[in-house]
PDB file of all heavy atoms in Angstrom:
ATOM      1  N   ILE A   1       1.567 -13.745  -5.037  1.00  0.00           N
ATOM      2  CA  ILE A   1       2.221 -12.494  -5.427  1.00  0.00           C
ATOM      3  C   ILE A   1       1.200 -11.529  -6.014  1.00  0.00           C
ATOM      4  O   ILE A   1       1.202 -10.333  -5.693  1.00  0.00           O
ATOM      5  CB  ILE A   1       3.378 -12.773  -6.413  1.00  0.00           C
ATOM      6  CG1 ILE A   1       4.525 -13.458  -5.685  1.00  0.00           C
ATOM      7  CG2 ILE A   1       3.860 -11.484  -7.066  1.00  0.00           C
ATOM      8  CD1 ILE A   1       5.623 -13.951  -6.589  1.00  0.00           C
ATOM      9  N   LEU A   2       0.304 -12.032  -6.850  1.00  0.00           N
ATOM     10  CA  LEU A   2      -0.736 -11.184  -7.420  1.00  0.00           C
ATOM     11  C   LEU A   2      -1.649 -10.624  -6.329  1.00  0.00           C
ATOM     12  O   LEU A   2      -1.975  -9.428  -6.327  1.00  0.00           O
ATOM     13  CB  LEU A   2      -1.552 -11.963  -8.444  1.00  0.00           C
ATOM     14  CG  LEU A   2      -2.691 -11.209  -9.128  1.00  0.00           C
ATOM     15  CD1 LEU A   2      -2.150 -10.045  -9.944  1.00  0.00           C
ATOM     16  CD2 LEU A   2      -3.491 -12.143  -9.999  1.00  0.00           C
ATOM     17  N   PHE A   3      -2.053 -11.468  -5.387  1.00  0.00           N
ATOM     18  CA  PHE A   3      -2.898 -11.018  -4.286  1.00  0.00           C
ATOM     19  C   PHE A   3      -2.175  -9.963  -3.448  1.00  0.00           C
ATOM     20  O   PHE A   3      -2.771  -8.959  -3.049  1.00  0.00           O
ATOM     21  CB  PHE A   3      -3.299 -12.222  -3.423  1.00  0.00           C
ATOM     22  CG  PHE A   3      -4.168 -11.863  -2.252  1.00  0.00           C
ATOM     23  CD1 PHE A   3      -5.444 -11.378  -2.453  1.00  0.00           C
ATOM     24  CD2 PHE A   3      -3.707 -12.007  -0.961  1.00  0.00           C
ATOM     25  CE1 PHE A   3      -6.251 -11.038  -1.373  1.00  0.00           C
ATOM     26  CE2 PHE A   3      -4.493 -11.678   0.112  1.00  0.00           C
ATOM     27  CZ  PHE A   3      -5.776 -11.188  -0.093  1.00  0.00           C
ATOM     28  N   SER A   4      -0.879 -10.161  -3.201  1.00  0.00           N
ATOM     29  CA  SER A   4      -0.102  -9.196  -2.429  1.00  0.00           C
ATOM     30  C   SER A   4       0.002  -7.859  -3.153  1.00  0.00           C
ATOM     31  O   SER A   4      -0.031  -6.800  -2.522  1.00  0.00           O
ATOM     32  CB  SER A   4       1.291  -9.744  -2.143  1.00  0.00           C
ATOM     33  OG  SER A   4       1.211 -10.905  -1.369  1.00  0.00           O
ATOM     34  N   MET A   5       0.131  -7.894  -4.466  1.00  0.00           N
ATOM     35  CA  MET A   5       0.191  -6.648  -5.239  1.00  0.00           C
ATOM     36  C   MET A   5      -1.140  -5.901  -5.177  1.00  0.00           C
ATOM     37  O   MET A   5      -1.163  -4.672  -5.094  1.00  0.00           O
ATOM     38  CB  MET A   5       0.589  -6.951  -6.687  1.00  0.00           C
ATOM     39  CG  MET A   5       2.027  -7.397  -6.820  1.00  0.00           C
ATOM     40  SD  MET A   5       2.459  -7.880  -8.495  1.00  0.00           S
ATOM     41  CE  MET A   5       2.370  -6.330  -9.336  1.00  0.00           C
ATOM     42  N   ILE A   6      -2.241  -6.636  -5.205  1.00  0.00           N
ATOM     43  CA  ILE A   6      -3.564  -6.001  -5.106  1.00  0.00           C
ATOM     44  C   ILE A   6      -3.742  -5.354  -3.737  1.00  0.00           C
ATOM     45  O   ILE A   6      -4.203  -4.211  -3.632  1.00  0.00           O
ATOM     46  CB  ILE A   6      -4.669  -7.023  -5.400  1.00  0.00           C
ATOM     47  CG1 ILE A   6      -4.639  -7.427  -6.869  1.00  0.00           C
ATOM     48  CG2 ILE A   6      -6.042  -6.477  -5.022  1.00  0.00           C
ATOM     49  CD1 ILE A   6      -5.512  -8.613  -7.213  1.00  0.00           C
ATOM     50  N   VAL A   7      -3.358  -6.062  -2.677  1.00  0.00           N
ATOM     51  CA  VAL A   7      -3.462  -5.511  -1.326  1.00  0.00           C
ATOM     52  C   VAL A   7      -2.573  -4.281  -1.186  1.00  0.00           C
ATOM     53  O   VAL A   7      -2.967  -3.276  -0.585  1.00  0.00           O
ATOM     54  CB  VAL A   7      -3.101  -6.589  -0.278  1.00  0.00           C
ATOM     55  CG1 VAL A   7      -2.931  -5.986   1.101  1.00  0.00           C
ATOM     56  CG2 VAL A   7      -4.165  -7.662  -0.254  1.00  0.00           C
ATOM     57  N   SER A   8      -1.383  -4.336  -1.765  1.00  0.00           N
ATOM     58  CA  SER A   8      -0.478  -3.196  -1.713  1.00  0.00           C
ATOM     59  C   SER A   8      -1.068  -1.982  -2.433  1.00  0.00           C
ATOM     60  O   SER A   8      -1.003  -0.855  -1.930  1.00  0.00           O
ATOM     61  CB  SER A   8       0.860  -3.576  -2.355  1.00  0.00           C
ATOM     62  OG  SER A   8       1.701  -2.464  -2.450  1.00  0.00           O
ATOM     63  N   GLY A   9      -1.644  -2.208  -3.582  1.00  0.00           N
ATOM     64  CA  GLY A   9      -2.276  -1.110  -4.316  1.00  0.00           C
ATOM     65  C   GLY A   9      -3.435  -0.498  -3.555  1.00  0.00           C
ATOM     66  O   GLY A   9      -3.616   0.730  -3.544  1.00  0.00           O
ATOM     67  N   LEU A  10      -4.217  -1.342  -2.909  1.00  0.00           N
ATOM     68  CA  LEU A  10      -5.325  -0.829  -2.100  1.00  0.00           C
ATOM     69  C   LEU A  10      -4.808  -0.029  -0.909  1.00  0.00           C
ATOM     70  O   LEU A  10      -5.396   1.004  -0.546  1.00  0.00           O
ATOM     71  CB  LEU A  10      -6.211  -1.975  -1.621  1.00  0.00           C
ATOM     72  CG  LEU A  10      -7.072  -2.631  -2.689  1.00  0.00           C
ATOM     73  CD1 LEU A  10      -7.765  -3.856  -2.126  1.00  0.00           C
ATOM     74  CD2 LEU A  10      -8.077  -1.657  -3.233  1.00  0.00           C
ATOM     75  N   ALA A  11      -3.732  -0.486  -0.281  1.00  0.00           N
ATOM     76  CA  ALA A  11      -3.161   0.260   0.848  1.00  0.00           C
ATOM     77  C   ALA A  11      -2.642   1.622   0.394  1.00  0.00           C
ATOM     78  O   ALA A  11      -2.856   2.635   1.081  1.00  0.00           O
ATOM     79  CB  ALA A  11      -2.040  -0.554   1.493  1.00  0.00           C
ATOM     80  N   ILE A  12      -1.995   1.663  -0.753  1.00  0.00           N
ATOM     81  CA  ILE A  12      -1.505   2.940  -1.290  1.00  0.00           C
ATOM     82  C   ILE A  12      -2.676   3.869  -1.565  1.00  0.00           C
ATOM     83  O   ILE A  12      -2.645   5.068  -1.222  1.00  0.00           O
ATOM     84  CB  ILE A  12      -0.660   2.703  -2.555  1.00  0.00           C
ATOM     85  CG1 ILE A  12       0.650   2.016  -2.186  1.00  0.00           C
ATOM     86  CG2 ILE A  12      -0.389   4.007  -3.287  1.00  0.00           C
ATOM     87  CD1 ILE A  12       1.459   1.547  -3.371  1.00  0.00           C
ATOM     88  N   ALA A  13      -3.717   3.335  -2.179  1.00  0.00           N
ATOM     89  CA  ALA A  13      -4.884   4.162  -2.499  1.00  0.00           C
ATOM     90  C   ALA A  13      -5.556   4.701  -1.238  1.00  0.00           C
ATOM     91  O   ALA A  13      -5.966   5.861  -1.190  1.00  0.00           O
ATOM     92  CB  ALA A  13      -5.877   3.358  -3.331  1.00  0.00           C
ATOM     93  N   LEU A  14      -5.651   3.879  -0.202  1.00  0.00           N
ATOM     94  CA  LEU A  14      -6.289   4.325   1.030  1.00  0.00           C
ATOM     95  C   LEU A  14      -5.488   5.407   1.739  1.00  0.00           C
ATOM     96  O   LEU A  14      -6.059   6.355   2.287  1.00  0.00           O
ATOM     97  CB  LEU A  14      -6.519   3.136   1.966  1.00  0.00           C
ATOM     98  CG  LEU A  14      -7.655   2.198   1.571  1.00  0.00           C
ATOM     99  CD1 LEU A  14      -7.667   0.987   2.492  1.00  0.00           C
ATOM    100  CD2 LEU A  14      -8.985   2.916   1.601  1.00  0.00           C
ATOM    101  N   VAL A  15      -4.163   5.282   1.726  1.00  0.00           N
ATOM    102  CA  VAL A  15      -3.332   6.316   2.358  1.00  0.00           C
ATOM    103  C   VAL A  15      -3.441   7.623   1.589  1.00  0.00           C
ATOM    104  O   VAL A  15      -3.555   8.702   2.187  1.00  0.00           O
ATOM    105  CB  VAL A  15      -1.866   5.843   2.471  1.00  0.00           C
ATOM    106  CG1 VAL A  15      -0.955   6.978   2.912  1.00  0.00           C
ATOM    107  CG2 VAL A  15      -1.759   4.685   3.441  1.00  0.00           C
ATOM    108  N   ARG A  16      -3.433   7.536   0.270  1.00  0.00           N
ATOM    109  CA  ARG A  16      -3.551   8.770  -0.535  1.00  0.00           C
ATOM    110  C   ARG A  16      -4.931   9.383  -0.374  1.00  0.00           C
ATOM    111  O   ARG A  16      -5.078  10.606  -0.340  1.00  0.00           O
ATOM    112  CB  ARG A  16      -3.278   8.464  -2.011  1.00  0.00           C
ATOM    113  CG  ARG A  16      -1.849   8.123  -2.318  1.00  0.00           C
ATOM    114  CD  ARG A  16      -0.917   9.267  -2.068  1.00  0.00           C
ATOM    115  NE  ARG A  16      -1.134  10.289  -3.092  1.00  0.00           N
ATOM    116  CZ  ARG A  16      -0.646  11.509  -3.040  1.00  0.00           C
ATOM    117  NH1 ARG A  16       0.088  11.886  -2.016  1.00  0.00           N
ATOM    118  NH2 ARG A  16      -0.880  12.368  -3.978  1.00  0.00           N
ATOM    119  N   TRP A  17      -5.959   8.555  -0.271  1.00  0.00           N
ATOM    120  CA  TRP A  17      -7.323   9.039  -0.098  1.00  0.00           C
ATOM    121  C   TRP A  17      -7.480   9.748   1.250  1.00  0.00           C
ATOM    122  O   TRP A  17      -8.241  10.693   1.394  1.00  0.00           O
ATOM    123  CB  TRP A  17      -8.277   7.859  -0.195  1.00  0.00           C
ATOM    124  CG  TRP A  17      -9.732   8.193  -0.254  1.00  0.00           C
ATOM    125  CD1 TRP A  17     -10.293   9.350  -0.724  1.00  0.00           C
ATOM    126  CD2 TRP A  17     -10.811   7.360   0.150  1.00  0.00           C
ATOM    127  NE1 TRP A  17     -11.655   9.268  -0.635  1.00  0.00           N
ATOM    128  CE2 TRP A  17     -11.997   8.063  -0.100  1.00  0.00           C
ATOM    129  CE3 TRP A  17     -10.886   6.087   0.676  1.00  0.00           C
ATOM    130  CZ2 TRP A  17     -13.250   7.535   0.183  1.00  0.00           C
ATOM    131  CZ3 TRP A  17     -12.130   5.563   0.947  1.00  0.00           C
ATOM    132  CH2 TRP A  17     -13.298   6.283   0.702  1.00  0.00           C
ATOM    133  N   ASP A  18      -6.713   9.281   2.249  1.00  0.00           N
ATOM    134  CA  ASP A  18      -6.753   9.881   3.575  1.00  0.00           C
ATOM    135  C   ASP A  18      -5.938  11.173   3.645  1.00  0.00           C
ATOM    136  O   ASP A  18      -5.945  11.855   4.656  1.00  0.00           O
ATOM    137  CB  ASP A  18      -6.225   8.881   4.603  1.00  0.00           C
ATOM    138  CG  ASP A  18      -6.534   9.284   6.026  1.00  0.00           C
ATOM    139  OD1 ASP A  18      -7.618   9.867   6.247  1.00  0.00           O
ATOM    140  OD2 ASP A  18      -5.699   9.010   6.909  1.00  0.00           O
ATOM    141  N   GLY A  19      -5.234  11.505   2.578  1.00  0.00           N
ATOM    142  CA  GLY A  19      -4.469  12.746   2.529  1.00  0.00           C
ATOM    143  C   GLY A  19      -2.997  12.577   2.834  1.00  0.00           C
ATOM    144  O   GLY A  19      -2.294  13.569   3.060  1.00  0.00           O
ATOM    145  N   GLY A  20      -2.511  11.349   2.859  1.00  0.00           N
ATOM    146  CA  GLY A  20      -1.099  11.098   3.136  1.00  0.00           C
ATOM    147  C   GLY A  20      -0.224  11.443   1.946  1.00  0.00           C
ATOM    148  O   GLY A  20      -0.683  11.539   0.802  1.00  0.00           O
ATOM    149  N   THR A  21       1.050  11.650   2.227  1.00  0.00           N
ATOM    150  CA  THR A  21       1.991  11.981   1.158  1.00  0.00           C
ATOM    151  C   THR A  21       2.323  10.723   0.355  1.00  0.00           C
ATOM    152  O   THR A  21       2.066   9.592   0.800  1.00  0.00           O
ATOM    153  CB  THR A  21       3.278  12.568   1.751  1.00  0.00           C
ATOM    154  OG1 THR A  21       3.893  11.580   2.583  1.00  0.00           O
ATOM    155  CG2 THR A  21       2.982  13.818   2.555  1.00  0.00           C
ATOM    156  N   LEU A  22       2.918  10.928  -0.804  1.00  0.00           N
ATOM    157  CA  LEU A  22       3.266   9.794  -1.658  1.00  0.00           C
ATOM    158  C   LEU A  22       4.319   8.892  -1.015  1.00  0.00           C
ATOM    159  O   LEU A  22       4.168   7.658  -1.063  1.00  0.00           O
ATOM    160  CB  LEU A  22       3.733  10.288  -3.027  1.00  0.00           C
ATOM    161  CG  LEU A  22       4.021   9.206  -4.058  1.00  0.00           C
ATOM    162  CD1 LEU A  22       2.793   8.367  -4.320  1.00  0.00           C
ATOM    163  CD2 LEU A  22       4.532   9.824  -5.347  1.00  0.00           C
ATOM    164  N   PRO A  23       5.382   9.454  -0.388  1.00  0.00           N
ATOM    165  CA  PRO A  23       6.327   8.546   0.276  1.00  0.00           C
ATOM    166  C   PRO A  23       5.689   7.722   1.399  1.00  0.00           C
ATOM    167  O   PRO A  23       6.004   6.534   1.570  1.00  0.00           O
ATOM    168  CB  PRO A  23       7.394   9.483   0.834  1.00  0.00           C
ATOM    169  CG  PRO A  23       7.351  10.672  -0.046  1.00  0.00           C
ATOM    170  CD  PRO A  23       5.902  10.826  -0.407  1.00  0.00           C
ATOM    171  N   ALA A  24       4.784   8.324   2.144  1.00  0.00           N
ATOM    172  CA  ALA A  24       4.097   7.580   3.208  1.00  0.00           C
ATOM    173  C   ALA A  24       3.215   6.486   2.613  1.00  0.00           C
ATOM    174  O   ALA A  24       3.139   5.377   3.149  1.00  0.00           O
ATOM    175  CB  ALA A  24       3.259   8.521   4.052  1.00  0.00           C
ATOM    176  N   ALA A  25       2.568   6.798   1.495  1.00  0.00           N
ATOM    177  CA  ALA A  25       1.703   5.811   0.847  1.00  0.00           C
ATOM    178  C   ALA A  25       2.522   4.645   0.303  1.00  0.00           C
ATOM    179  O   ALA A  25       2.123   3.479   0.443  1.00  0.00           O
ATOM    180  CB  ALA A  25       0.904   6.471  -0.277  1.00  0.00           C
ATOM    181  N   LEU A  26       3.666   4.943  -0.307  1.00  0.00           N
ATOM    182  CA  LEU A  26       4.505   3.871  -0.837  1.00  0.00           C
ATOM    183  C   LEU A  26       5.084   3.015   0.283  1.00  0.00           C
ATOM    184  O   LEU A  26       5.199   1.794   0.145  1.00  0.00           O
ATOM    185  CB  LEU A  26       5.622   4.457  -1.699  1.00  0.00           C
ATOM    186  CG  LEU A  26       5.172   5.081  -3.017  1.00  0.00           C
ATOM    187  CD1 LEU A  26       6.354   5.722  -3.721  1.00  0.00           C
ATOM    188  CD2 LEU A  26       4.507   4.061  -3.900  1.00  0.00           C
ATOM    189  N   SER A  27       5.438   3.655   1.377  1.00  0.00           N
ATOM    190  CA  SER A  27       5.944   2.903   2.526  1.00  0.00           C
ATOM    191  C   SER A  27       4.873   1.983   3.091  1.00  0.00           C
ATOM    192  O   SER A  27       5.128   0.811   3.395  1.00  0.00           O
ATOM    193  CB  SER A  27       6.434   3.868   3.604  1.00  0.00           C
ATOM    194  OG  SER A  27       6.819   3.177   4.755  1.00  0.00           O
ATOM    195  N   ARG A  28       3.672   2.486   3.244  1.00  0.00           N
ATOM    196  CA  ARG A  28       2.570   1.681   3.767  1.00  0.00           C
ATOM    197  C   ARG A  28       2.233   0.551   2.798  1.00  0.00           C
ATOM    198  O   ARG A  28       1.922  -0.561   3.211  1.00  0.00           O
ATOM    199  CB  ARG A  28       1.356   2.569   3.987  1.00  0.00           C
ATOM    200  CG  ARG A  28       0.244   1.949   4.746  1.00  0.00           C
ATOM    201  CD  ARG A  28       0.625   1.628   6.159  1.00  0.00           C
ATOM    202  NE  ARG A  28       1.065   2.821   6.845  1.00  0.00           N
ATOM    203  CZ  ARG A  28       0.838   3.079   8.111  1.00  0.00           C
ATOM    204  NH1 ARG A  28       0.149   2.226   8.830  1.00  0.00           N
ATOM    205  NH2 ARG A  28       1.309   4.162   8.662  1.00  0.00           N
ATOM    206  N   GLY A  29       2.306   0.847   1.499  1.00  0.00           N
ATOM    207  CA  GLY A  29       2.060  -0.197   0.504  1.00  0.00           C
ATOM    208  C   GLY A  29       3.113  -1.290   0.547  1.00  0.00           C
ATOM    209  O   GLY A  29       2.800  -2.469   0.384  1.00  0.00           O
ATOM    210  N   GLY A  30       4.366  -0.912   0.777  1.00  0.00           N
ATOM    211  CA  GLY A  30       5.436  -1.907   0.898  1.00  0.00           C
ATOM    212  C   GLY A  30       5.249  -2.799   2.110  1.00  0.00           C
ATOM    213  O   GLY A  30       5.480  -4.007   2.049  1.00  0.00           O
ATOM    214  N   VAL A  31       4.824  -2.196   3.220  1.00  0.00           N
ATOM    215  CA  VAL A  31       4.564  -2.985   4.423  1.00  0.00           C
ATOM    216  C   VAL A  31       3.397  -3.946   4.178  1.00  0.00           C
ATOM    217  O   VAL A  31       3.449  -5.121   4.577  1.00  0.00           O
ATOM    218  CB  VAL A  31       4.275  -2.049   5.622  1.00  0.00           C
ATOM    219  CG1 VAL A  31       3.732  -2.823   6.799  1.00  0.00           C
ATOM    220  CG2 VAL A  31       5.532  -1.286   6.001  1.00  0.00           C
ATOM    221  N   ALA A  32       2.361  -3.458   3.511  1.00  0.00           N
ATOM    222  CA  ALA A  32       1.207  -4.317   3.219  1.00  0.00           C
ATOM    223  C   ALA A  32       1.602  -5.459   2.275  1.00  0.00           C
ATOM    224  O   ALA A  32       1.168  -6.603   2.456  1.00  0.00           O
ATOM    225  CB  ALA A  32       0.080  -3.487   2.607  1.00  0.00           C
ATOM    226  N   PHE A  33       2.426  -5.152   1.271  1.00  0.00           N
ATOM    227  CA  PHE A  33       2.882  -6.186   0.339  1.00  0.00           C
ATOM    228  C   PHE A  33       3.689  -7.249   1.064  1.00  0.00           C
ATOM    229  O   PHE A  33       3.450  -8.447   0.903  1.00  0.00           O
ATOM    230  CB  PHE A  33       3.722  -5.551  -0.778  1.00  0.00           C
ATOM    231  CG  PHE A  33       4.271  -6.553  -1.756  1.00  0.00           C
ATOM    232  CD1 PHE A  33       3.479  -7.037  -2.772  1.00  0.00           C
ATOM    233  CD2 PHE A  33       5.578  -7.003  -1.658  1.00  0.00           C
ATOM    234  CE1 PHE A  33       3.974  -7.964  -3.681  1.00  0.00           C
ATOM    235  CE2 PHE A  33       6.079  -7.925  -2.545  1.00  0.00           C
ATOM    236  CZ  PHE A  33       5.283  -8.403  -3.564  1.00  0.00           C
ATOM    237  N   GLY A  34       4.638  -6.805   1.870  1.00  0.00           N
ATOM    238  CA  GLY A  34       5.488  -7.756   2.589  1.00  0.00           C
ATOM    239  C   GLY A  34       4.712  -8.613   3.573  1.00  0.00           C
ATOM    240  O   GLY A  34       4.933  -9.818   3.671  1.00  0.00           O
ATOM    241  N   GLY A  35       3.800  -7.984   4.295  1.00  0.00           N
ATOM    242  CA  GLY A  35       3.005  -8.740   5.265  1.00  0.00           C
ATOM    243  C   GLY A  35       2.094  -9.752   4.601  1.00  0.00           C
ATOM    244  O   GLY A  35       1.988 -10.902   5.058  1.00  0.00           O
ATOM    245  N   THR A  36       1.449  -9.344   3.535  1.00  0.00           N
ATOM    246  CA  THR A  36       0.538 -10.258   2.836  1.00  0.00           C
ATOM    247  C   THR A  36       1.293 -11.412   2.200  1.00  0.00           C
ATOM    248  O   THR A  36       0.869 -12.572   2.285  1.00  0.00           O
ATOM    249  CB  THR A  36      -0.259  -9.492   1.762  1.00  0.00           C
ATOM    250  OG1 THR A  36      -0.899  -8.381   2.363  1.00  0.00           O
ATOM    251  CG2 THR A  36      -1.278 -10.383   1.097  1.00  0.00           C
ATOM    252  N   LEU A  37       2.431 -11.112   1.583  1.00  0.00           N
ATOM    253  CA  LEU A  37       3.213 -12.174   0.948  1.00  0.00           C
ATOM    254  C   LEU A  37       3.766 -13.144   1.994  1.00  0.00           C
ATOM    255  O   LEU A  37       3.807 -14.361   1.758  1.00  0.00           O
ATOM    256  CB  LEU A  37       4.344 -11.582   0.113  1.00  0.00           C
ATOM    257  CG  LEU A  37       5.088 -12.534  -0.811  1.00  0.00           C
ATOM    258  CD1 LEU A  37       4.111 -13.174  -1.796  1.00  0.00           C
ATOM    259  CD2 LEU A  37       6.180 -11.813  -1.551  1.00  0.00           C
TER     260      LEU A  37
END
């Protein structure tokens, strides 16, 4: 769970760094969390 949260946070940061909106970043982070877990 901790590893999945770290991956999710990194995915959110990468989407925001690329210029994505916050809802898109949260969605991508949720997908990354679910996939990793």
